[in-house]
Amino acid sequence: MAHDHDELGIRFGNAVYDDDGRELGTIRGFDEHGFYVTLDDGLAELSVEHVRSSPQLGEAELMWRCWQCGEMGRLEGEVPECCPACDSPEEELYYWIED
């Protein structure tokens, strides 16, 4: 599935629907097996600004993280096309919330 999602037009934050057209969630990551979906209110609801994770934890930062090397970076618009640290493709990157 290396870059099949690009050919199909599937991107981070796209909505995923069931057979009846009900929205299930949004895409939050890719790997060799397919994609991961978040059931939260949707990544479109999250911004690159600070978001509240909970009153007990305080502020949280929406970031991206690499499955291969663990590199993390601030999310400025979209997830990078590859990891700047290890050059892993976009499929190895996923959304991450850091406290």
N, C-alpha and C. Protein backbone atom coordinates (compact mmCIF):
# COMPACT_ATOMS: atom_id res chain seq x y z
N MET A 1 0.83 -1.20 0.00
CA MET A 1 0.00 0.00 0.00
C MET A 1 0.86 1.25 0.00
N ALA A 2 2.12 1.12 -0.32
CA ALA A 2 3.08 2.20 -0.18
C ALA A 2 2.51 3.59 -0.48
N HIS A 3 2.07 3.84 -1.69
CA HIS A 3 1.49 5.14 -2.01
C HIS A 3 0.15 4.99 -2.68
N ASP A 4 -0.52 3.85 -2.50
CA ASP A 4 -1.83 3.63 -3.10
C ASP A 4 -2.83 4.69 -2.67
N HIS A 5 -2.72 5.14 -1.42
CA HIS A 5 -3.68 6.14 -0.94
C HIS A 5 -3.58 7.44 -1.74
N ASP A 6 -2.36 7.79 -2.20
CA ASP A 6 -2.21 8.99 -3.02
C ASP A 6 -2.94 8.82 -4.35
N GLU A 7 -2.79 7.65 -4.96
CA GLU A 7 -3.45 7.38 -6.24
C GLU A 7 -4.96 7.40 -6.10
N LEU A 8 -5.47 6.99 -4.94
CA LEU A 8 -6.91 6.97 -4.70
C LEU A 8 -7.44 8.31 -4.18
N GLY A 9 -6.55 9.25 -3.90
CA GLY A 9 -6.97 10.54 -3.38
C GLY A 9 -7.32 10.52 -1.91
N ILE A 10 -6.83 9.53 -1.17
CA ILE A 10 -7.11 9.41 0.27
C ILE A 10 -6.02 10.16 1.03
N ARG A 11 -6.43 11.07 1.94
CA ARG A 11 -5.48 11.90 2.66
C ARG A 11 -5.83 11.93 4.15
N PHE A 12 -4.88 12.40 4.96
CA PHE A 12 -5.12 12.62 6.38
C PHE A 12 -6.32 13.55 6.53
N GLY A 13 -7.18 13.24 7.49
CA GLY A 13 -8.32 14.09 7.77
C GLY A 13 -9.55 13.83 6.92
N ASN A 14 -9.43 12.94 5.88
CA ASN A 14 -10.61 12.59 5.08
C ASN A 14 -11.62 11.85 5.93
N ALA A 15 -12.89 12.10 5.68
CA ALA A 15 -13.96 11.38 6.38
C ALA A 15 -14.07 9.96 5.82
N VAL A 16 -14.44 9.02 6.69
CA VAL A 16 -14.67 7.62 6.30
C VAL A 16 -16.13 7.31 6.59
N TYR A 17 -16.81 6.68 5.63
CA TYR A 17 -18.24 6.41 5.74
C TYR A 17 -18.52 4.91 5.67
N ASP A 18 -19.62 4.48 6.29
CA ASP A 18 -20.05 3.09 6.16
C ASP A 18 -20.90 2.95 4.90
N ASP A 19 -21.38 1.74 4.63
CA ASP A 19 -22.16 1.47 3.42
C ASP A 19 -23.46 2.27 3.34
N ASP A 20 -23.95 2.71 4.49
CA ASP A 20 -25.20 3.49 4.52
C ASP A 20 -24.95 5.00 4.44
N GLY A 21 -23.69 5.40 4.29
CA GLY A 21 -23.37 6.81 4.16
C GLY A 21 -23.18 7.55 5.47
N ARG A 22 -23.17 6.83 6.60
CA ARG A 22 -22.94 7.47 7.90
C ARG A 22 -21.44 7.67 8.11
N GLU A 23 -21.08 8.86 8.56
CA GLU A 23 -19.67 9.14 8.82
C GLU A 23 -19.21 8.36 10.05
N LEU A 24 -18.11 7.61 9.89
CA LEU A 24 -17.56 6.83 10.98
C LEU A 24 -16.46 7.57 11.73
N GLY A 25 -15.72 8.39 11.05
CA GLY A 25 -14.60 9.11 11.64
C GLY A 25 -13.73 9.69 10.55
N THR A 26 -12.50 10.06 10.91
CA THR A 26 -11.57 10.63 9.94
C THR A 26 -10.25 9.88 9.97
N ILE A 27 -9.57 9.88 8.84
CA ILE A 27 -8.28 9.19 8.72
C ILE A 27 -7.24 9.92 9.55
N ARG A 28 -6.53 9.19 10.41
CA ARG A 28 -5.49 9.79 11.24
C ARG A 28 -4.12 9.22 10.99
N GLY A 29 -4.01 8.16 10.15
CA GLY A 29 -2.70 7.59 9.85
C GLY A 29 -2.79 6.46 8.86
N PHE A 30 -1.64 6.11 8.29
CA PHE A 30 -1.53 5.03 7.31
C PHE A 30 -0.41 4.09 7.72
N ASP A 31 -0.49 2.84 7.30
CA ASP A 31 0.65 1.93 7.35
C ASP A 31 0.49 0.92 6.22
N GLU A 32 1.32 -0.13 6.22
CA GLU A 32 1.29 -1.10 5.13
C GLU A 32 -0.01 -1.91 5.08
N HIS A 33 -0.80 -1.86 6.14
CA HIS A 33 -2.05 -2.62 6.19
C HIS A 33 -3.27 -1.80 5.78
N GLY A 34 -3.13 -0.49 5.72
CA GLY A 34 -4.28 0.36 5.39
C GLY A 34 -4.21 1.68 6.12
N PHE A 35 -5.36 2.12 6.64
CA PHE A 35 -5.38 3.41 7.34
C PHE A 35 -6.06 3.26 8.69
N TYR A 36 -5.77 4.24 9.57
CA TYR A 36 -6.34 4.29 10.91
C TYR A 36 -7.36 5.41 10.95
N VAL A 37 -8.46 5.18 11.65
CA VAL A 37 -9.54 6.15 11.74
C VAL A 37 -9.71 6.57 13.19
N THR A 38 -9.88 7.86 13.42
CA THR A 38 -10.21 8.34 14.75
C THR A 38 -11.72 8.52 14.83
N LEU A 39 -12.29 8.14 15.95
CA LEU A 39 -13.73 8.28 16.15
C LEU A 39 -14.08 9.55 16.91
N ASP A 40 -13.05 10.35 17.23
CA ASP A 40 -13.30 11.62 17.90
C ASP A 40 -14.12 12.51 16.99
N ASP A 41 -14.38 13.72 17.41
CA ASP A 41 -15.21 14.64 16.64
C ASP A 41 -14.63 14.94 15.27
N GLY A 42 -13.48 14.40 14.97
CA GLY A 42 -12.86 14.61 13.67
C GLY A 42 -11.67 15.53 13.77
N LEU A 43 -10.66 15.26 12.98
CA LEU A 43 -9.47 16.08 13.02
C LEU A 43 -9.73 17.47 12.49
N ALA A 44 -10.76 17.62 11.69
CA ALA A 44 -11.11 18.96 11.22
C ALA A 44 -11.51 19.84 12.40
N GLU A 45 -12.00 19.22 13.47
CA GLU A 45 -12.38 19.98 14.65
C GLU A 45 -11.16 20.42 15.45
N LEU A 46 -10.03 19.75 15.26
CA LEU A 46 -8.81 20.12 15.96
C LEU A 46 -8.07 21.15 15.13
N SER A 47 -7.36 22.04 15.76
CA SER A 47 -6.60 23.03 15.03
C SER A 47 -5.13 22.87 15.38
N VAL A 48 -4.29 23.58 14.66
CA VAL A 48 -2.87 23.55 14.97
C VAL A 48 -2.57 24.43 16.17
N GLU A 49 -3.56 25.16 16.62
CA GLU A 49 -3.43 25.93 17.85
C GLU A 49 -3.54 24.97 19.03
N HIS A 50 -3.38 25.47 20.23
CA HIS A 50 -3.53 24.63 21.42
C HIS A 50 -4.97 24.15 21.53
N VAL A 51 -5.13 22.91 21.93
CA VAL A 51 -6.45 22.35 22.20
C VAL A 51 -6.47 21.88 23.64
N ARG A 52 -7.63 21.86 24.25
CA ARG A 52 -7.75 21.39 25.63
C ARG A 52 -7.86 19.89 25.62
N SER A 53 -6.95 19.19 26.28
CA SER A 53 -7.04 17.74 26.37
C SER A 53 -7.96 17.35 27.52
N SER A 54 -7.88 18.04 28.62
CA SER A 54 -8.78 17.86 29.75
C SER A 54 -8.41 18.91 30.79
N PRO A 55 -9.31 19.22 31.69
CA PRO A 55 -8.97 20.21 32.73
C PRO A 55 -7.80 19.75 33.60
N GLN A 56 -7.65 18.43 33.80
CA GLN A 56 -6.58 17.93 34.64
C GLN A 56 -5.22 18.01 33.94
N LEU A 57 -5.19 17.85 32.62
CA LEU A 57 -3.93 17.82 31.90
C LEU A 57 -3.52 19.18 31.36
N GLY A 58 -4.45 20.09 31.22
CA GLY A 58 -4.12 21.41 30.70
C GLY A 58 -4.10 21.44 29.19
N GLU A 59 -3.17 22.19 28.63
CA GLU A 59 -3.11 22.39 27.18
C GLU A 59 -2.44 21.20 26.50
N ALA A 60 -2.84 20.96 25.25
CA ALA A 60 -2.22 19.91 24.45
C ALA A 60 -1.90 20.50 23.09
N GLU A 61 -0.93 19.91 22.42
CA GLU A 61 -0.47 20.40 21.13
C GLU A 61 -0.72 19.32 20.09
N LEU A 62 -1.39 19.68 18.98
CA LEU A 62 -1.61 18.74 17.89
C LEU A 62 -0.34 18.67 17.06
N MET A 63 0.21 17.45 16.92
CA MET A 63 1.49 17.25 16.24
C MET A 63 1.39 16.06 15.30
N TRP A 64 2.49 15.74 14.61
CA TRP A 64 2.62 14.51 13.85
C TRP A 64 3.77 13.72 14.46
N ARG A 65 3.76 12.40 14.25
CA ARG A 65 4.82 11.54 14.78
C ARG A 65 5.13 10.44 13.78
N CYS A 66 6.39 10.01 13.73
CA CYS A 66 6.84 8.97 12.80
C CYS A 66 6.84 7.61 13.50
N TRP A 67 6.21 6.61 12.88
CA TRP A 67 6.20 5.25 13.43
C TRP A 67 7.61 4.67 13.46
N GLN A 68 8.44 5.01 12.48
CA GLN A 68 9.76 4.39 12.35
C GLN A 68 10.78 4.90 13.35
N CYS A 69 10.93 6.21 13.46
CA CYS A 69 12.01 6.74 14.30
C CYS A 69 11.51 7.50 15.53
N GLY A 70 10.20 7.78 15.59
CA GLY A 70 9.66 8.49 16.75
C GLY A 70 9.76 10.01 16.66
N GLU A 71 10.33 10.52 15.58
CA GLU A 71 10.42 11.97 15.39
C GLU A 71 9.03 12.59 15.48
N MET A 72 8.96 13.77 16.09
CA MET A 72 7.69 14.48 16.20
C MET A 72 7.90 15.91 15.72
N GLY A 73 6.83 16.50 15.23
CA GLY A 73 6.91 17.89 14.80
C GLY A 73 5.57 18.56 14.94
N ARG A 74 5.61 19.89 15.02
CA ARG A 74 4.36 20.66 15.10
C ARG A 74 3.61 20.51 13.79
N LEU A 75 2.33 20.41 13.90
CA LEU A 75 1.48 20.28 12.72
C LEU A 75 1.18 21.68 12.21
N GLU A 76 1.77 22.01 11.09
CA GLU A 76 1.57 23.33 10.47
C GLU A 76 0.90 23.10 9.13
N GLY A 77 -0.41 23.04 9.14
CA GLY A 77 -1.16 22.72 7.93
C GLY A 77 -1.38 21.23 7.84
N GLU A 78 -0.66 20.56 6.93
CA GLU A 78 -0.82 19.12 6.74
C GLU A 78 0.39 18.37 7.27
N VAL A 79 0.24 17.08 7.42
CA VAL A 79 1.35 16.21 7.81
C VAL A 79 2.39 16.26 6.68
N PRO A 80 3.70 16.28 6.99
CA PRO A 80 4.71 16.31 5.94
C PRO A 80 4.61 15.11 5.00
N GLU A 81 5.13 15.24 3.79
CA GLU A 81 5.11 14.14 2.82
C GLU A 81 6.04 13.02 3.23
N CYS A 82 7.05 13.32 4.03
CA CYS A 82 7.95 12.30 4.56
C CYS A 82 8.54 12.81 5.87
N CYS A 83 9.10 11.90 6.65
CA CYS A 83 9.72 12.27 7.92
C CYS A 83 11.03 13.00 7.63
N PRO A 84 11.21 14.21 8.17
CA PRO A 84 12.45 14.93 7.93
C PRO A 84 13.67 14.29 8.59
N ALA A 85 13.46 13.44 9.59
CA ALA A 85 14.58 12.81 10.29
C ALA A 85 15.07 11.54 9.61
N CYS A 86 14.13 10.67 9.17
CA CYS A 86 14.54 9.37 8.61
C CYS A 86 14.06 9.15 7.18
N ASP A 87 13.35 10.12 6.62
CA ASP A 87 12.86 10.07 5.24
C ASP A 87 11.79 9.00 5.01
N SER A 88 11.18 8.50 6.09
CA SER A 88 10.07 7.54 5.93
C SER A 88 8.92 8.24 5.22
N PRO A 89 8.17 7.51 4.37
CA PRO A 89 7.07 8.12 3.63
C PRO A 89 5.91 8.50 4.54
N GLU A 90 4.98 9.25 3.98
CA GLU A 90 3.82 9.76 4.71
C GLU A 90 3.03 8.66 5.41
N GLU A 91 3.04 7.45 4.86
CA GLU A 91 2.32 6.33 5.48
C GLU A 91 2.81 6.02 6.88
N GLU A 92 4.04 6.41 7.20
CA GLU A 92 4.63 6.14 8.51
C GLU A 92 4.36 7.26 9.51
N LEU A 93 3.66 8.30 9.09
CA LEU A 93 3.37 9.44 9.97
C LEU A 93 1.92 9.42 10.41
N TYR A 94 1.66 9.88 11.61
CA TYR A 94 0.30 9.90 12.13
C TYR A 94 0.13 11.10 13.06
N TYR A 95 -1.13 11.44 13.30
CA TYR A 95 -1.42 12.55 14.21
C TYR A 95 -1.12 12.14 15.64
N TRP A 96 -0.66 13.11 16.44
CA TRP A 96 -0.26 12.86 17.82
C TRP A 96 -0.64 14.09 18.64
N ILE A 97 -1.17 13.88 19.83
CA ILE A 97 -1.45 15.01 20.73
C ILE A 97 -0.47 14.93 21.88
N GLU A 98 0.32 15.97 22.03
CA GLU A 98 1.36 16.05 23.06
C GLU A 98 0.90 17.00 24.14
N ASP A 99 1.01 16.56 25.40
CA ASP A 99 0.66 17.44 26.53
C ASP A 99 1.75 18.44 26.77
